[in-house]
Protein backbone atom coordinates (compact mmCIF):
# COMPACT_ATOMS: atom_id res chain seq x y z
CA MET A 1 82.27 52.06 121.72
CA ILE A 2 84.11 51.33 118.45
CA GLU A 3 86.99 53.68 117.65
CA LEU A 4 88.29 54.04 114.10
CA SER A 5 91.74 55.17 113.17
CA ARG A 6 93.81 55.19 109.99
CA ARG A 7 95.92 52.36 111.45
CA SER A 8 92.91 50.14 112.21
CA LEU A 9 91.46 50.79 108.78
CA LEU A 10 94.72 49.85 107.06
CA MET A 11 95.08 46.71 109.17
CA GLY A 12 91.51 45.78 108.35
CA SER A 13 92.18 46.21 104.65
CA ALA A 14 95.22 43.98 104.86
CA ALA A 15 93.21 41.27 106.61
CA VAL A 16 90.54 41.40 103.93
CA ALA A 17 93.21 41.08 101.22
CA VAL A 18 94.68 37.97 102.90
CA ALA A 19 91.25 36.40 103.29
CA ALA A 20 90.38 37.11 99.68
CA SER A 21 93.55 35.39 98.48
CA THR A 22 92.40 32.11 100.08
CA LEU A 23 89.01 32.08 98.33
CA PRO A 24 88.46 29.95 95.22
CA THR A 25 88.96 31.84 91.95
CA ARG A 26 85.79 32.86 90.12
CA ALA A 27 85.32 34.48 86.74
CA ALA A 28 85.20 38.28 87.07
CA ALA A 29 82.50 40.34 85.37
CA PRO A 30 84.00 42.45 82.57
CA ALA A 31 84.49 46.14 83.27
CA LEU A 32 81.87 48.27 81.53
CA THR A 33 84.23 51.27 80.96
CA LYS A 34 81.49 53.80 80.10
CA GLN A 35 79.37 56.20 82.12
CA ALA A 36 75.60 56.24 81.86
CA PRO A 37 74.06 58.95 79.64
CA ALA A 38 74.16 62.29 81.44
CA PHE A 39 71.04 64.44 81.28
CA TYR A 40 68.84 65.92 84.00
CA ARG A 41 65.40 67.51 83.73
CA TYR A 42 63.92 70.22 85.89
CA LYS A 43 61.04 72.70 85.72
CA VAL A 44 60.91 76.47 85.72
CA GLY A 45 57.23 77.36 85.86
CA ASP A 46 55.72 75.74 82.78
CA PHE A 47 59.11 75.38 81.06
CA GLU A 48 60.83 72.00 81.03
CA ILE A 49 64.62 72.29 80.97
CA THR A 50 67.12 69.54 80.29
CA SER A 51 70.72 69.94 81.37
CA VAL A 52 72.76 67.86 78.92
CA SER A 53 76.39 66.99 79.57
CA ASP A 54 78.91 67.50 76.80
CA GLY A 55 81.55 65.85 78.97
CA ALA A 56 84.43 67.22 81.05
CA ARG A 57 88.15 67.76 80.64
CA THR A 58 90.81 67.24 83.31
CA PHE A 59 94.18 68.69 82.37
CA PRO A 60 97.42 69.87 83.98
CA MET A 61 97.04 73.44 85.18
CA PRO A 62 99.17 75.56 82.82
CA ASP A 63 101.44 78.35 83.97
CA GLY A 64 99.58 81.66 84.01
CA PHE A 65 96.17 80.00 84.29
CA VAL A 66 95.36 82.64 86.91
CA LYS A 67 97.03 85.90 85.90
CA ASN A 68 96.98 87.71 89.23
CA ALA A 69 97.61 84.86 91.66
CA SER A 70 100.48 82.41 91.91
CA LYS A 71 100.21 78.96 90.41
CA ASP A 72 100.68 77.52 93.90
CA GLN A 73 97.62 79.45 95.11
CA ALA A 74 95.56 78.24 92.15
CA LEU A 75 96.70 74.64 92.60
CA ALA A 76 95.88 74.82 96.30
CA ALA A 77 92.33 75.93 95.45
CA ALA A 78 91.97 73.06 92.98
CA GLN A 79 93.32 70.53 95.48
CA ALA A 80 90.99 71.90 98.16
CA ALA A 81 88.17 70.95 95.79
CA TYR A 82 89.64 67.42 95.52
CA MET A 83 90.74 67.76 91.92
CA PRO A 84 93.65 65.49 90.95
CA LYS A 85 96.97 66.90 92.12
CA GLY A 86 98.34 69.45 89.68
CA MET A 87 95.18 69.33 87.57
CA VAL A 88 91.95 71.20 86.98
CA THR A 89 88.62 69.80 85.79
CA VAL A 90 86.25 71.74 83.54
CA PRO A 91 82.77 70.32 82.80
CA PHE A 92 80.57 71.46 79.88
CA ASN A 93 76.77 71.54 80.21
CA PRO A 94 74.46 73.01 77.53
CA GLN A 95 70.79 73.56 78.40
CA VAL A 96 67.71 72.65 76.35
CA ILE A 97 64.66 74.77 77.22
CA ASN A 98 61.21 73.71 76.09
CA THR A 99 59.08 76.85 76.35
CA GLY A 100 55.99 75.14 74.96
CA SER A 101 56.26 77.09 71.70
CA LYS A 102 60.02 76.77 71.05
CA LEU A 103 62.71 74.21 71.76
CA VAL A 104 65.81 76.26 72.58
CA LEU A 105 69.40 75.08 73.00
CA ILE A 106 71.72 77.40 74.94
CA ASP A 107 75.27 76.73 73.74
CA ALA A 108 76.32 73.84 71.52
CA GLY A 109 79.34 72.40 73.28
CA ASN A 110 82.68 71.22 71.92
CA GLY A 111 81.44 69.44 68.83
CA PRO A 112 82.85 66.13 67.59
CA VAL A 113 86.22 65.42 69.23
CA PRO A 114 87.62 61.92 68.50
CA ASN A 115 88.74 59.84 71.48
CA ALA A 116 88.05 62.59 73.99
CA PRO A 117 85.94 62.88 77.15
CA VAL A 118 84.05 65.80 75.56
CA GLY A 119 81.81 66.20 72.52
CA LEU A 120 79.10 64.06 74.12
CA LEU A 121 76.18 66.43 73.47
CA MET A 122 74.66 64.59 70.52
CA ALA A 123 74.81 61.19 72.22
CA ASN A 124 73.30 62.58 75.41
CA LEU A 125 70.58 64.46 73.49
CA ALA A 126 69.64 61.14 71.89
CA ALA A 127 69.59 59.45 75.30
CA ALA A 128 67.33 62.28 76.55
CA GLY A 129 64.93 61.72 73.65
CA ILE A 130 65.68 65.09 72.03
CA ASP A 131 65.95 65.13 68.24
CA PRO A 132 68.49 67.71 66.98
CA LYS A 133 66.13 68.39 64.07
CA ALA A 134 63.50 69.53 66.58
CA ILE A 135 65.67 72.34 67.99
CA ASP A 136 64.10 75.65 66.88
CA VAL A 137 66.72 78.07 68.20
CA VAL A 138 70.38 77.72 69.17
CA VAL A 139 71.48 80.64 71.35
CA LEU A 140 75.23 81.08 71.73
CA SER A 141 76.25 82.91 74.91
CA HIS A 142 79.60 83.86 73.35
CA LEU A 143 81.86 82.58 70.60
CA HIS A 144 84.51 80.49 72.36
CA PRO A 145 85.13 77.05 70.82
CA ASP A 146 83.57 74.99 73.64
CA HIS A 147 80.28 76.85 73.08
CA ILE A 148 80.09 77.02 69.28
CA ASN A 149 81.88 74.02 67.77
CA GLY A 150 78.88 71.76 68.32
CA ILE A 151 76.97 73.77 65.68
CA LYS A 152 78.73 71.60 63.07
CA THR A 153 79.02 67.84 62.61
CA ALA A 154 82.27 66.06 61.80
CA ASP A 155 81.50 66.39 58.07
CA ASN A 156 80.87 70.15 58.43
CA LYS A 157 77.08 69.95 58.19
CA LEU A 158 74.67 71.72 60.51
CA ALA A 159 74.10 69.68 63.65
CA PHE A 160 70.75 71.44 64.21
CA PRO A 161 69.56 71.88 60.62
CA ASN A 162 66.22 73.53 61.37
CA ALA A 163 67.42 75.94 64.04
CA GLU A 164 67.88 79.67 63.89
CA ILE A 165 71.34 80.52 65.27
CA LYS A 166 71.54 83.53 67.57
CA VAL A 167 74.81 85.18 68.57
CA PRO A 168 75.62 88.25 70.70
CA ALA A 169 76.06 91.23 68.37
CA LEU A 170 79.12 92.50 70.26
CA ASP A 171 80.87 89.14 70.05
CA TRP A 172 80.16 88.80 66.33
CA ALA A 173 81.61 92.27 65.69
CA PHE A 174 84.70 91.50 67.78
CA TRP A 175 85.60 88.06 66.42
CA MET A 176 84.76 88.83 62.78
CA SER A 177 86.88 91.99 62.74
CA ASP A 178 89.94 91.60 60.52
CA ASP A 179 91.62 94.42 62.45
CA ASN A 180 91.10 92.66 65.79
CA MET A 181 92.37 89.40 64.34
CA SER A 182 95.52 91.03 62.98
CA LYS A 183 96.31 92.43 66.44
CA ALA A 184 95.62 89.17 68.32
CA PRO A 185 98.70 87.56 69.90
CA GLU A 186 99.78 84.17 68.61
CA GLY A 187 98.53 81.21 70.60
CA MET A 188 95.14 80.91 72.24
CA MET A 189 93.66 84.22 71.05
CA LYS A 190 94.73 83.79 67.44
CA GLY A 191 93.34 80.27 67.58
CA TYR A 192 90.01 81.58 68.84
CA PHE A 193 89.74 84.00 65.91
CA ASN A 194 90.55 81.25 63.42
CA ASN A 195 88.08 78.86 65.03
CA THR A 196 85.21 81.38 65.05
CA ARG A 197 85.65 81.97 61.34
CA LYS A 198 85.99 78.27 60.58
CA ILE A 199 82.73 77.45 62.35
CA LEU A 200 80.55 80.48 61.64
CA SER A 201 81.78 82.49 58.65
CA ASP A 202 79.78 80.43 56.15
CA LEU A 203 76.63 80.73 58.30
CA SER A 204 76.26 84.52 58.25
CA ASP A 205 72.95 84.23 56.37
CA LYS A 206 71.61 81.90 59.10
CA VAL A 207 72.83 83.96 62.05
CA THR A 208 70.70 86.46 63.96
CA LYS A 209 72.56 88.92 66.18
CA TYR A 210 70.97 89.72 69.53
CA GLU A 211 71.32 92.58 72.02
CA TRP A 212 71.33 92.57 75.82
CA GLY A 213 68.05 93.35 77.52
CA LYS A 214 65.96 91.67 74.81
CA GLU A 215 64.35 88.25 74.49
CA VAL A 216 66.23 85.69 72.42
CA ALA A 217 63.25 83.30 72.71
CA PRO A 218 59.95 83.40 74.61
CA GLY A 219 60.74 83.90 78.31
CA ILE A 220 64.53 83.98 77.76
CA THR A 221 66.22 87.39 78.04
CA ALA A 222 69.90 88.12 77.35
CA ILE A 223 71.78 89.87 80.17
CA ASP A 224 74.99 91.89 80.06
CA ALA A 225 77.72 89.62 81.42
CA GLY A 226 80.64 91.17 79.56
CA GLY A 227 84.31 90.74 80.35
CA HIS A 228 84.81 87.08 79.54
CA THR A 229 84.29 88.21 75.94
CA PRO A 230 82.95 91.60 74.77
CA GLY A 231 79.46 90.22 74.18
CA HIS A 232 79.39 87.42 76.73
CA SER A 233 75.79 86.93 77.81
CA ALA A 234 73.91 85.34 80.67
CA PHE A 235 70.18 84.62 80.43
CA ALA A 236 67.19 85.20 82.66
CA VAL A 237 64.71 82.38 82.09
CA ALA A 238 61.22 83.16 83.37
CA SER A 239 57.90 81.32 83.29
CA GLY A 240 55.09 82.72 85.41
CA SER A 241 56.57 83.68 88.77
CA ALA A 242 59.45 81.20 88.45
CA ARG A 243 62.83 82.18 87.11
CA ILE A 244 66.45 81.07 86.97
CA LEU A 245 69.72 82.57 85.82
CA VAL A 246 71.72 80.73 83.17
CA GLN A 247 75.07 82.35 83.94
CA SER A 248 77.09 80.89 81.04
CA ASP A 249 80.79 81.58 81.82
CA VAL A 250 80.49 84.30 84.45
CA THR A 251 82.79 81.93 86.29
CA ASN A 252 84.75 79.24 84.54
CA ILE A 253 85.64 76.88 87.39
CA PRO A 254 83.52 77.77 90.42
CA GLU A 255 85.89 76.05 92.85
CA LEU A 256 88.48 78.64 91.84
CA PHE A 257 86.73 81.74 90.52
CA LEU A 258 83.51 81.74 92.52
CA ARG A 259 85.50 81.46 95.73
CA ASN A 260 88.04 83.97 94.39
CA PRO A 261 85.96 86.28 92.17
CA ASP A 262 88.79 88.78 91.69
CA TRP A 263 91.15 86.20 90.21
CA HIS A 264 91.80 86.73 86.49
CA VAL A 265 91.44 83.53 84.50
CA VAL A 266 93.42 83.29 81.28
CA PHE A 267 90.24 82.93 79.21
CA ASP A 268 88.81 86.35 80.14
CA ILE A 269 89.48 88.98 77.46
CA ASP A 270 88.87 91.87 79.87
CA PRO A 271 89.63 90.37 83.29
CA VAL A 272 88.84 93.54 85.25
CA VAL A 273 85.36 93.80 83.75
CA ALA A 274 84.90 90.04 84.15
CA ALA A 275 85.60 90.34 87.89
CA GLN A 276 83.16 93.23 88.17
CA THR A 277 80.56 91.11 86.38
CA ARG A 278 81.09 88.24 88.81
CA HIS A 279 80.44 90.48 91.79
CA LYS A 280 77.39 92.08 90.14
CA ILE A 281 75.84 88.76 89.11
CA TYR A 282 76.59 86.87 92.31
CA ASP A 283 75.58 89.66 94.68
CA MET A 284 72.23 89.69 92.90
CA ALA A 285 71.91 85.89 92.87
CA ALA A 286 72.80 85.60 96.56
CA ALA A 287 70.47 88.41 97.64
CA GLU A 288 67.55 87.03 95.66
CA ARG A 289 68.32 83.35 96.42
CA MET A 290 68.20 82.62 92.72
CA THR A 291 68.73 79.26 91.10
CA VAL A 292 71.89 79.57 89.00
CA VAL A 293 72.91 77.32 86.11
CA GLY A 294 76.57 77.35 85.08
CA PHE A 295 77.95 75.93 81.85
CA HIS A 296 81.10 74.88 83.74
CA PHE A 297 79.48 73.85 87.02
CA ALA A 298 79.70 70.15 87.90
CA PHE A 299 76.86 68.22 86.24
CA PRO A 300 73.91 68.75 86.38
CA SER A 301 75.20 72.32 86.73
CA ILE A 302 72.43 73.74 88.94
CA GLY A 303 72.83 75.41 92.31
CA HIS A 304 72.62 78.48 94.49
CA VAL A 305 75.29 81.06 95.24
CA GLU A 306 75.99 82.29 98.76
CA LYS A 307 78.29 85.02 100.02
CA ASP A 308 81.34 83.53 101.73
CA GLY A 309 83.74 86.12 103.12
CA ALA A 310 85.21 88.13 100.25
CA GLY A 311 84.00 85.53 97.76
CA TYR A 312 81.13 83.17 97.19
CA ARG A 313 80.37 79.47 97.37
CA LEU A 314 78.19 77.23 95.25
CA VAL A 315 75.50 75.12 96.92
CA PRO A 316 74.47 72.43 94.41
CA VAL A 317 70.80 71.53 94.22
CA ALA A 318 69.77 68.12 95.50
CA TRP A 319 68.96 65.56 92.82
CA ASN A 320 65.19 65.36 92.44
CA PRO A 321 63.49 62.25 91.03
CA VAL A 322 60.41 64.32 90.23
CA ILE A 323 60.39 66.79 87.35
C-alpha cells in the first residue's frame, strides 16, 4: 500500500526538479495570458438563458466591510473559501433570457473599465453570439454601478440601442432625490448618487419604472428583495412548470453572507431589512429546492441553497454539456 505524506510529496517534487534540470533545453510555448470567453446556457421550460460573465474583482478586504462582525471573522470566512489571504473576490454575472418573444438582459454589469478584470460583458456577449442590438429589454435589479454602468459605452452611447430600460420605481425615486443626495455621507454613498445621475439622468425618457409583483417581461416577475437598496429586486422566471429565482444581490458574496445571513455588508443601505430578506428568500428557496441564480455567485452563477445551521450554503449546479 502506497502512503502519501507532505514530506514524500516535497521530496518527490525536488527529485523531479533535479531531473528536469538535466534535460536538453527546448523552446517553451508562449503563455496565452487570457481566459476563454465565459458564457453558459441553460433552459427553464421553453426559455433559453445565457449566463454571461462580466468578470470578477479580487481586492483587499477593507475595514468595516462587515459592519457587525470583526474583520478577523470576515477574513476567516474568506480564507475558509480559499480566497487569497486578506482578500475577497466578487464575480459579476448578468443573465440574458430568451423568452421566445423578447430577448431580455437582467443587469448590465460594470461597463467599460480600462485594464481591469471586469467590464467583459460586451466581449462575452459577442462570443455567445448575442448582438447587443437584438436586446429588447434591459431590466436593472437596482441602481448600483456594477449593475447599471454597462448601459453606456465608453463614448457615452447606448450599449443596447434598441432596448427598453426598466428600473425599480423605488430605486429611481431614492437615487434621483436631491434631498437624499444632499444627506448622503461623503465617500461610497455620495459616489453612488453621482454615478446614478451620470449614467441614467439623460435617459429618463427611455426608462420605464416597474413595481414588485408585476411582470417586467413575459414570464419574468419582479419580487420584493429590499434592503440592499430601497427598490432592490429579485426575479421569478417561469416557463410552463419550470421556474428559477434570479436573486440579484440578496447576498453579495455567498461564501460570507449566505453562510452568515445576519452579517451586515457595507453595501446594504438598510442592513436589517437586507438580513430579513436573505432569510425570507433563502428559506423559500431551500424549502422549495429552487434553482437560484446570483449576480455575485461564482460563474456560471447557478446553484441551490440549503439550510446549514443558523445559515445557508450554496450547492453549485454541475456543468451540463446539454442545453
